[in-house]
Amino acid sequence: MADLNARKRGKKWEYRFEAAKIDGKRNQITKGGFSTKKECLEAGAKALAEYNRSGLKFSPTEISISDYLDLWFDTYCKMSLKYRTQELYLGIITNHLKPTFGHYRLASLNTTVIQEYANKLKLDGLAKNTVVGIISTFSGALNYAVEPLKYIQFNPCDRVKYPKYEKKEDEVRHIISSNDFNRILKRFEKHSHFYIPLLIGYHTGLRISEVFALTWDDINLKERTLTVDKITVKRNYGVDVRQALKKKGKKEEKSAWYFGSPKTASSIRTVKFGDTLHHALKQLKATQLKNRLEYGEYYTDIYKKPELDEKGNTIYRLIEIEHGIPCDLPMVNLISVRENGQFISTDSFKYCSRVIHNELNIDFNFHSLRHTHATVLVENGADAKSIQDRLGHCDIRTTLQTYTHNTEFMESKAVEIFEKALLSTRENCGGQTVDK
């Protein structure tokens, strides 16, 4: 290990120590300007310790969980996760993990204290998904401390057992019956700007952020296909996500709608659609062209402005400008716009959901259309691989376990299949029942 030396130069003190050779030549790290020898040696000792830890400004054995979570967020989350996931993790860190564990040293954390916390969350009335989300976020952060950072030897979350929950009816995913969907369409008829998003969700199973990002370039009316290659996402611009959370609700918060990349690589897909949606899209395209002519220079055009996100990747902010104002940015022709061309966001759809809940008394959210689409396909004999491709899942187990439901129709069909098989067995055995 390198020795630390101090020497006086004029009226000030300077420290120095040997560093690794560069190109075979001697390399020293020095710093001067200290008023006393004691001050110089203290600063030199810190600098030498930092050098021996490859530039870390702290000892892994001393770092608090609060500081470590900041480190994990800056070095991993910001560079590897989507903006919405960053917001979710940051909320969990700020509201749950730091208040409970932030004062502990990372090296002293143990399974017992995390298990007690998980149990307390359940006793406090938090839902199972919330508890799992908090603990799994913490576990992900601690895994990073094990590998690649090697700050701790094992992850104390690995042995935590989630408290048992009784399944409640309200956890069941809702399927929209054909009668209820017709009631919804009657409430939001063709003149409503929610009509087409509802129709697309029901007939294709797209996610809400995928539907509201569709442009006319994504639609092939001749082949009756639509292509999903982007989503809409609301995010802050010019502000770090951590700062945005601190400023939430204040005037200095700046947010806008962007085109983002889909959830996974398998979410990029081309989906076929049938006559109903084809006819509706043709009518909508004609209507939008008519509206553009009627509004003239006051029609709202939407442009995409390239920007860099926190990872250094190019993202596109959606900007609304009246048609009469020149703009050099690329224009996007979104499907879901108001009569005057203004952008319709997923936030706007919350009004539609409230009306369906309160006026029509239907248990509904946009994702229900996705569940319904998958279930209708299963009920009518579509194979699982086709459904997986339509929904854009990377794992077929997600399709089977999450988006298909044992409806009354499916239960009746299972009984019918069994009875047919039993009848066939009896016929093969001369009409006698076979007992084993």
Protein backbone atom coordinates (compact mmCIF):
# COMPACT_ATOMS: atom_id res chain seq x y z
CA MET A 1 0.00 0.00 0.00
CA ALA A 2 1.25 3.49 -0.84
CA ASP A 3 2.73 5.68 1.94
CA LEU A 4 1.31 9.13 2.61
CA ASN A 5 3.82 11.95 2.95
CA ALA A 6 3.41 15.62 3.89
CA ARG A 7 5.84 18.43 3.30
CA LYS A 8 5.84 22.17 3.75
CA ARG A 9 6.15 24.33 0.67
CA GLY A 10 6.48 27.96 1.66
CA LYS A 11 3.74 28.69 4.19
CA LYS A 12 1.43 25.86 3.07
CA TRP A 13 1.47 22.09 3.42
CA GLU A 14 1.19 19.51 0.63
CA TYR A 15 0.48 15.76 0.69
CA ARG A 16 1.54 13.16 -1.85
CA PHE A 17 1.41 9.42 -2.34
CA GLU A 18 2.44 6.96 -5.01
CA ALA A 19 -0.24 5.86 -7.49
CA ALA A 20 -0.12 3.09 -10.07
CA LYS A 21 2.43 3.54 -12.82
CA ILE A 22 1.21 4.74 -16.21
CA ASP A 23 3.15 3.56 -19.28
CA GLY A 24 5.78 2.26 -16.87
CA LYS A 25 6.41 5.74 -15.47
CA ARG A 26 6.11 6.86 -11.87
CA ASN A 27 2.80 8.53 -11.02
CA GLN A 28 2.15 10.59 -7.87
CA ILE A 29 -1.05 12.17 -6.56
CA THR A 30 -0.44 15.47 -4.78
CA LYS A 31 -2.48 18.33 -3.38
CA GLY A 32 -1.32 21.44 -1.54
CA GLY A 33 -2.66 24.63 0.02
CA PHE A 34 -3.26 23.32 3.57
CA SER A 35 -2.60 25.68 6.49
CA THR A 36 -1.40 23.03 8.97
CA LYS A 37 0.32 19.67 8.79
CA LYS A 38 -2.60 18.01 10.66
CA GLU A 39 -5.14 19.34 8.13
CA CYS A 40 -2.91 18.19 5.29
CA LEU A 41 -2.51 14.64 6.65
CA GLU A 42 -6.27 14.27 7.33
CA ALA A 43 -7.11 15.30 3.79
CA GLY A 44 -4.35 13.07 2.41
CA ALA A 45 -5.59 10.06 4.38
CA LYS A 46 -9.08 10.52 2.93
CA ALA A 47 -7.69 10.89 -0.59
CA LEU A 48 -5.53 7.78 -0.23
CA ALA A 49 -8.45 5.72 1.13
CA GLU A 50 -10.61 6.89 -1.78
CA TYR A 51 -7.85 5.99 -4.24
CA ASN A 52 -7.53 2.51 -2.74
CA ARG A 53 -11.29 2.05 -3.19
CA SER A 54 -11.05 2.85 -6.92
CA GLY A 55 -12.46 6.33 -6.53
CA LEU A 56 -15.31 5.61 -4.12
CA LYS A 57 -15.86 8.48 -1.74
CA PHE A 58 -17.13 6.16 1.01
CA SER A 59 -16.40 2.79 2.56
CA PRO A 60 -18.92 0.12 1.54
CA THR A 61 -18.98 -1.06 5.18
CA GLU A 62 -20.01 2.42 6.38
CA ILE A 63 -22.50 3.59 3.74
CA SER A 64 -26.06 4.10 4.96
CA ILE A 65 -28.98 2.45 3.20
CA SER A 66 -30.31 5.93 2.38
CA ASP A 67 -27.11 6.87 0.55
CA TYR A 68 -26.88 3.44 -1.06
CA LEU A 69 -30.41 3.69 -2.48
CA ASP A 70 -29.44 7.04 -4.05
CA LEU A 71 -26.36 5.39 -5.53
CA TRP A 72 -28.40 2.46 -6.89
CA PHE A 73 -30.95 4.79 -8.43
CA ASP A 74 -28.32 6.99 -10.11
CA THR A 75 -26.03 4.24 -11.39
CA TYR A 76 -28.59 1.58 -12.31
CA CYS A 77 -32.21 2.77 -12.43
CA LYS A 78 -31.67 5.96 -14.40
CA MET A 79 -29.56 4.19 -17.01
CA SER A 80 -31.49 0.93 -17.32
CA LEU A 81 -35.18 1.46 -16.56
CA LYS A 82 -38.03 3.21 -18.33
CA TYR A 83 -39.16 6.57 -17.02
CA ARG A 84 -42.42 5.27 -15.53
CA THR A 85 -40.52 2.53 -13.70
CA GLN A 86 -38.06 5.11 -12.38
CA GLU A 87 -40.98 7.13 -11.01
CA LEU A 88 -42.46 4.02 -9.39
CA TYR A 89 -39.16 2.99 -7.77
CA LEU A 90 -38.42 6.52 -6.61
CA GLY A 91 -41.83 6.73 -4.95
CA ILE A 92 -41.18 3.45 -3.11
CA ILE A 93 -37.70 4.60 -2.06
CA THR A 94 -38.92 7.98 -0.82
CA ASN A 95 -42.16 6.94 0.86
CA HIS A 96 -41.29 3.50 2.21
CA LEU A 97 -37.67 2.33 2.13
CA LYS A 98 -35.80 5.44 3.30
CA PRO A 99 -38.13 6.27 6.21
CA THR A 100 -37.88 2.68 7.48
CA PHE A 101 -34.34 1.55 6.65
CA GLY A 102 -32.47 4.69 5.60
CA HIS A 103 -30.64 5.18 8.92
CA TYR A 104 -29.19 1.63 8.97
CA ARG A 105 -25.75 0.77 7.63
CA LEU A 106 -26.00 -1.35 4.50
CA ALA A 107 -23.61 -3.94 5.97
CA SER A 108 -25.72 -4.41 9.12
CA LEU A 109 -29.06 -5.03 7.41
CA ASN A 110 -30.57 -8.45 8.16
CA THR A 111 -33.54 -10.59 7.13
CA THR A 112 -35.35 -10.23 10.46
CA VAL A 113 -35.93 -6.49 10.22
CA ILE A 114 -37.15 -6.79 6.61
CA GLN A 115 -39.51 -9.66 7.50
CA GLU A 116 -40.98 -7.63 10.37
CA TYR A 117 -41.49 -4.72 7.98
CA ALA A 118 -43.25 -6.91 5.39
CA ASN A 119 -45.57 -8.25 8.11
CA LYS A 120 -46.29 -4.71 9.33
CA LEU A 121 -47.23 -3.56 5.83
CA LYS A 122 -49.84 -6.31 5.66
CA LEU A 123 -51.19 -5.47 9.14
CA ASP A 124 -51.38 -1.81 8.13
CA GLY A 125 -53.85 -2.81 5.41
CA LEU A 126 -51.65 -2.56 2.32
CA ALA A 127 -52.67 -4.76 -0.60
CA LYS A 128 -50.60 -7.81 -1.52
CA ASN A 129 -49.39 -6.28 -4.78
CA THR A 130 -48.23 -3.17 -2.91
CA VAL A 131 -46.28 -5.20 -0.34
CA VAL A 132 -44.71 -7.34 -3.08
CA GLY A 133 -43.81 -4.19 -5.04
CA ILE A 134 -42.06 -2.58 -2.06
CA ILE A 135 -40.09 -5.64 -0.98
CA SER A 136 -39.15 -6.68 -4.53
CA THR A 137 -37.86 -3.15 -5.25
CA PHE A 138 -35.73 -3.34 -2.10
CA SER A 139 -34.54 -6.80 -3.11
CA GLY A 140 -33.54 -5.53 -6.56
CA ALA A 141 -31.49 -2.75 -4.98
CA LEU A 142 -29.75 -5.17 -2.61
CA ASN A 143 -29.01 -7.65 -5.42
CA TYR A 144 -27.06 -4.86 -7.09
CA ALA A 145 -25.08 -4.42 -3.86
CA VAL A 146 -24.18 -8.12 -3.96
CA GLU A 147 -23.33 -8.24 -7.65
CA PRO A 148 -21.68 -6.39 -9.34
CA LEU A 149 -20.77 -3.99 -6.51
CA LYS A 150 -19.81 -6.65 -3.91
CA TYR A 151 -20.69 -4.31 -1.01
CA ILE A 152 -22.46 -7.16 0.82
CA GLN A 153 -22.11 -10.93 0.56
CA PHE A 154 -25.79 -11.91 0.27
CA ASN A 155 -29.21 -10.33 -0.15
CA PRO A 156 -31.18 -10.40 3.13
CA CYS A 157 -34.46 -10.13 1.15
CA ASP A 158 -33.90 -13.58 -0.34
CA ARG A 159 -35.24 -15.33 2.77
CA VAL A 160 -38.18 -13.01 3.41
CA LYS A 161 -41.61 -14.71 3.22
CA TYR A 162 -44.55 -12.64 2.05
CA PRO A 163 -47.48 -12.64 4.49
CA LYS A 164 -50.40 -14.73 3.34
CA TYR A 165 -53.44 -12.96 1.90
CA GLU A 166 -56.91 -14.31 1.36
CA LYS A 167 -58.03 -13.83 -2.22
CA LYS A 168 -60.77 -11.22 -2.50
CA GLU A 169 -63.39 -10.87 -5.18
CA ASP A 170 -62.26 -7.38 -6.06
CA GLU A 171 -58.90 -8.80 -7.16
CA VAL A 172 -60.61 -10.66 -10.03
CA ARG A 173 -59.95 -9.12 -13.43
CA HIS A 174 -63.14 -7.88 -15.04
CA ILE A 175 -64.33 -9.06 -18.43
CA ILE A 176 -66.66 -6.82 -20.41
CA SER A 177 -69.66 -8.69 -21.79
CA SER A 178 -70.80 -7.95 -25.34
CA ASN A 179 -74.00 -6.37 -23.97
CA ASP A 180 -72.03 -4.09 -21.63
CA PHE A 181 -69.64 -3.12 -24.41
CA ASN A 182 -72.55 -2.17 -26.64
CA ARG A 183 -73.88 0.00 -23.79
CA ILE A 184 -70.49 1.68 -23.56
CA LEU A 185 -70.41 2.38 -27.29
CA LYS A 186 -73.95 3.74 -27.15
CA ARG A 187 -72.86 6.18 -24.40
CA PHE A 188 -69.74 7.19 -26.37
CA GLU A 189 -71.04 7.18 -29.93
CA LYS A 190 -69.08 7.83 -33.12
CA HIS A 191 -68.91 11.59 -32.57
CA SER A 192 -67.05 11.03 -29.27
CA HIS A 193 -63.24 11.08 -29.40
CA PHE A 194 -63.28 8.05 -27.05
CA TYR A 195 -65.22 5.86 -29.52
CA ILE A 196 -62.23 4.75 -31.61
CA PRO A 197 -59.86 4.09 -28.66
CA LEU A 198 -62.56 1.92 -27.07
CA LEU A 199 -63.07 0.06 -30.34
CA ILE A 200 -59.34 -0.50 -30.89
CA GLY A 201 -58.85 -1.78 -27.34
CA TYR A 202 -61.76 -4.21 -27.62
CA HIS A 203 -60.91 -5.50 -31.11
CA THR A 204 -57.10 -5.75 -30.81
CA GLY A 205 -56.21 -6.01 -27.11
CA LEU A 206 -53.71 -3.13 -27.29
CA ARG A 207 -52.57 -1.40 -24.11
CA ILE A 208 -53.93 2.11 -23.56
CA SER A 209 -50.52 3.76 -24.10
CA GLU A 210 -50.18 1.86 -27.39
CA VAL A 211 -53.63 2.91 -28.61
CA PHE A 212 -53.09 6.62 -28.01
CA ALA A 213 -49.70 6.52 -29.78
CA LEU A 214 -51.12 5.14 -33.04
CA THR A 215 -50.69 7.31 -36.12
CA TRP A 216 -52.19 6.89 -39.56
CA ASP A 217 -48.78 5.71 -40.74
CA ASP A 218 -49.26 2.71 -38.42
CA ILE A 219 -52.55 1.74 -40.08
CA ASN A 220 -52.73 -0.30 -43.28
CA LEU A 221 -56.38 -0.17 -44.28
CA LYS A 222 -55.78 -2.31 -47.37
CA GLU A 223 -54.16 -5.17 -45.43
CA ARG A 224 -56.28 -4.45 -42.33
CA THR A 225 -53.32 -4.35 -39.97
CA LEU A 226 -51.96 -1.91 -37.41
CA THR A 227 -48.37 -1.72 -36.22
CA VAL A 228 -47.35 -1.08 -32.62
CA ASP A 229 -43.86 0.41 -32.32
CA LYS A 230 -44.23 3.18 -29.71
CA ILE A 231 -46.27 4.35 -26.73
CA THR A 232 -47.24 7.70 -25.25
CA VAL A 233 -45.74 8.58 -21.87
CA LYS A 234 -46.04 11.68 -19.70
CA ARG A 235 -42.75 12.77 -18.24
CA ASN A 236 -40.86 15.81 -17.03
CA TYR A 237 -38.41 17.50 -19.33
CA GLY A 238 -35.28 19.39 -18.37
CA VAL A 239 -35.55 17.97 -14.85
CA ASP A 240 -34.00 14.92 -13.20
CA VAL A 241 -36.70 12.43 -12.18
CA ARG A 242 -35.74 12.80 -8.50
CA GLN A 243 -36.07 16.57 -8.68
CA ALA A 244 -39.36 16.21 -10.54
CA LEU A 245 -40.77 14.15 -7.67
CA LYS A 246 -39.71 16.81 -5.15
CA LYS A 247 -41.35 19.53 -7.23
CA LYS A 248 -44.55 17.64 -7.96
CA GLY A 249 -47.54 19.91 -7.66
CA LYS A 250 -45.44 23.06 -7.85
CA LYS A 251 -45.44 25.56 -10.68
CA GLU A 252 -41.86 24.83 -11.67
CA GLU A 253 -42.72 21.25 -12.61
CA LYS A 254 -42.51 20.85 -16.36
CA SER A 255 -44.23 17.91 -17.99
CA ALA A 256 -45.15 16.94 -21.52
CA TRP A 257 -46.26 13.95 -23.55
CA TYR A 258 -43.63 11.95 -25.39
CA PHE A 259 -43.35 9.01 -27.72
CA GLY A 260 -41.57 6.25 -25.84
CA SER A 261 -40.50 2.72 -26.68
CA PRO A 262 -42.97 -0.14 -26.05
CA LYS A 263 -42.94 -2.19 -22.86
CA THR A 264 -40.72 -4.98 -24.26
CA ALA A 265 -39.18 -5.94 -27.59
CA SER A 266 -42.04 -8.42 -28.15
CA SER A 267 -44.52 -5.53 -27.75
CA ILE A 268 -43.41 -4.31 -31.18
CA ARG A 269 -45.84 -6.16 -33.42
CA THR A 270 -48.34 -6.03 -36.27
CA VAL A 271 -51.94 -6.90 -35.42
CA LYS A 272 -54.69 -7.81 -37.88
CA PHE A 273 -58.22 -6.44 -37.41
CA GLY A 274 -61.63 -7.19 -38.89
CA ASP A 275 -64.53 -5.51 -40.66
CA THR A 276 -65.95 -3.57 -37.70
CA LEU A 277 -62.74 -1.72 -36.88
CA HIS A 278 -61.85 -1.36 -40.58
CA HIS A 279 -65.12 0.43 -41.30
CA ALA A 280 -64.78 2.69 -38.24
CA LEU A 281 -61.20 3.69 -39.12
CA LYS A 282 -62.15 4.52 -42.72
CA GLN A 283 -64.93 6.77 -41.47
CA LEU A 284 -62.62 8.43 -38.93
CA LYS A 285 -59.96 9.16 -41.53
CA ALA A 286 -62.53 10.86 -43.79
CA THR A 287 -63.90 12.85 -40.83
CA GLN A 288 -60.45 14.06 -39.78
CA LEU A 289 -59.65 15.24 -43.32
CA LYS A 290 -62.96 17.14 -43.34
CA ASN A 291 -62.20 18.71 -39.94
CA ARG A 292 -58.74 19.77 -41.11
CA LEU A 293 -60.28 21.61 -44.08
CA GLU A 294 -62.99 23.26 -41.96
CA TYR A 295 -60.63 24.53 -39.28
CA GLY A 296 -58.01 25.60 -41.83
CA GLU A 297 -55.16 27.58 -40.28
CA TYR A 298 -56.66 27.09 -36.81
CA TYR A 299 -56.44 23.30 -36.94
CA THR A 300 -53.88 21.95 -34.47
CA ASP A 301 -50.92 20.08 -35.95
CA ILE A 302 -48.82 17.82 -33.74
CA TYR A 303 -45.05 17.65 -34.20
CA LYS A 304 -42.33 15.54 -32.60
CA LYS A 305 -39.26 17.25 -31.19
CA PRO A 306 -36.15 15.09 -30.60
CA GLU A 307 -34.59 15.33 -27.13
CA LEU A 308 -32.16 13.28 -25.06
CA ASP A 309 -33.35 11.43 -21.98
CA GLU A 310 -31.37 10.64 -18.82
CA LYS A 311 -29.77 7.65 -20.60
CA GLY A 312 -28.63 9.73 -23.57
CA ASN A 313 -31.23 8.10 -25.83
CA THR A 314 -33.35 10.08 -28.28
CA ILE A 315 -36.98 10.58 -27.27
CA TYR A 316 -39.65 12.69 -28.99
CA ARG A 317 -41.72 15.35 -27.27
CA LEU A 318 -45.15 15.95 -28.79
CA ILE A 319 -45.75 19.64 -29.51
CA GLU A 320 -49.04 21.21 -30.61
CA ILE A 321 -48.90 24.14 -33.06
CA GLU A 322 -51.70 25.77 -35.05
CA HIS A 323 -51.63 24.92 -38.74
CA GLY A 324 -51.09 28.54 -39.75
CA ILE A 325 -47.74 28.71 -37.89
CA PRO A 326 -44.75 27.31 -39.84
CA CYS A 327 -42.74 24.56 -38.17
CA ASP A 328 -39.73 22.60 -39.43
CA LEU A 329 -40.21 19.63 -37.08
CA PRO A 330 -41.61 16.31 -38.40
CA MET A 331 -45.41 16.14 -38.17
CA VAL A 332 -47.25 13.16 -36.73
CA ASN A 333 -50.83 12.29 -37.73
CA LEU A 334 -52.26 10.76 -34.59
CA ILE A 335 -55.49 8.78 -34.77
CA SER A 336 -56.80 9.88 -31.38
CA VAL A 337 -57.26 13.65 -31.62
CA ARG A 338 -60.08 16.09 -30.93
CA GLU A 339 -62.19 17.64 -33.66
CA ASN A 340 -59.74 20.56 -33.94
CA GLY A 341 -56.71 18.25 -34.03
CA GLN A 342 -55.64 18.65 -30.39
CA PHE A 343 -53.89 15.73 -28.71
CA ILE A 344 -55.94 13.31 -26.60
CA SER A 345 -53.93 11.72 -23.79
CA THR A 346 -54.41 8.65 -21.65
CA ASP A 347 -55.15 11.08 -18.80
CA SER A 348 -58.17 12.33 -20.75
CA PHE A 349 -59.53 8.78 -20.87
CA LYS A 350 -59.98 8.83 -17.08
CA TYR A 351 -63.18 10.81 -17.68
CA CYS A 352 -64.48 8.02 -19.91
CA SER A 353 -63.72 5.42 -17.24
CA ARG A 354 -65.52 7.45 -14.55
CA VAL A 355 -68.63 7.74 -16.72
CA ILE A 356 -68.66 3.99 -17.38
CA HIS A 357 -68.31 3.31 -13.65
CA ASN A 358 -70.76 5.87 -12.31
CA GLU A 359 -73.38 6.18 -15.05
CA LEU A 360 -73.39 2.70 -16.52
CA ASN A 361 -72.39 0.85 -13.31
CA ILE A 362 -69.89 -1.34 -15.18
CA ASP A 363 -66.66 -2.45 -13.51
CA PHE A 364 -64.20 -1.08 -16.03
CA ASN A 365 -60.75 0.15 -16.82
CA PHE A 366 -59.08 0.23 -20.21
CA HIS A 367 -57.07 -2.89 -19.41
CA SER A 368 -60.38 -4.76 -19.04
CA LEU A 369 -60.69 -4.52 -22.83
CA ARG A 370 -57.35 -6.33 -23.15
CA HIS A 371 -58.47 -9.09 -20.74
CA THR A 372 -61.76 -9.38 -22.60
CA HIS A 373 -60.08 -9.63 -26.01
CA ALA A 374 -57.86 -12.49 -24.84
CA THR A 375 -60.71 -14.33 -23.14
CA VAL A 376 -63.01 -14.11 -26.17
CA LEU A 377 -60.24 -15.60 -28.30
CA VAL A 378 -59.67 -18.47 -25.85
CA GLU A 379 -63.40 -19.19 -25.57
CA ASN A 380 -63.63 -19.53 -29.33
CA GLY A 381 -60.66 -21.83 -29.80
CA ALA A 382 -57.77 -19.48 -30.75
CA ASP A 383 -54.40 -21.07 -29.99
CA ALA A 384 -52.28 -19.63 -27.19
CA LYS A 385 -49.36 -18.67 -29.47
CA SER A 386 -51.61 -16.48 -31.66
CA ILE A 387 -53.01 -14.75 -28.58
CA GLN A 388 -49.50 -14.22 -27.23
CA ASP A 389 -48.43 -12.57 -30.49
CA ARG A 390 -51.49 -10.30 -30.60
CA LEU A 391 -50.98 -9.12 -27.04
CA GLY A 392 -47.22 -8.72 -27.44
CA HIS A 393 -46.16 -10.96 -24.55
CA CYS A 394 -42.60 -12.26 -24.39
CA ASP A 395 -43.65 -15.22 -22.19
CA ILE A 396 -46.64 -17.37 -23.11
CA ARG A 397 -47.20 -18.11 -19.40
CA THR A 398 -48.23 -14.48 -18.96
CA THR A 399 -50.87 -14.98 -21.64
CA LEU A 400 -52.25 -18.14 -20.06
CA GLN A 401 -52.05 -17.15 -16.40
CA THR A 402 -52.94 -13.46 -16.51
CA TYR A 403 -55.16 -12.74 -19.48
CA THR A 404 -57.39 -15.79 -19.80
CA HIS A 405 -60.25 -16.41 -17.40
CA ASN A 406 -62.48 -19.35 -16.57
CA THR A 407 -65.79 -17.90 -17.72
CA GLU A 408 -69.15 -19.68 -17.51
CA PHE A 409 -68.90 -20.41 -21.24
CA MET A 410 -65.49 -22.05 -20.81
CA GLU A 411 -66.76 -24.09 -17.85
CA SER A 412 -69.72 -25.36 -19.88
CA LYS A 413 -67.43 -26.18 -22.78
CA ALA A 414 -65.14 -28.19 -20.49
CA VAL A 415 -68.12 -30.23 -19.27
CA GLU A 416 -69.28 -30.78 -22.86
CA ILE A 417 -65.83 -32.01 -23.92
CA PHE A 418 -65.68 -34.42 -20.99
CA GLU A 419 -69.17 -35.80 -21.69
CA LYS A 420 -68.30 -36.37 -25.36
CA ALA A 421 -65.11 -38.20 -24.38
CA LEU A 422 -67.02 -40.34 -21.89
CA LEU A 423 -69.69 -41.21 -24.46
CA SER A 424 -67.02 -42.21 -26.96
CA THR A 425 -65.40 -44.50 -24.37
CA ARG A 426 -68.70 -46.20 -23.63
CA GLU A 427 -69.41 -46.80 -27.32
CA ASN A 428 -65.99 -48.39 -27.77
CA CYS A 429 -66.72 -50.73 -24.84
CA GLY A 430 -70.09 -51.94 -26.16
CA GLY A 431 -72.18 -49.45 -24.22
CA GLN A 432 -70.89 -50.57 -20.81
CA THR A 433 -69.44 -48.21 -18.25
CA VAL A 434 -65.77 -48.81 -17.62
CA ASP A 435 -64.74 -48.79 -13.94
CA LYS A 436 -61.20 -48.82 -12.75
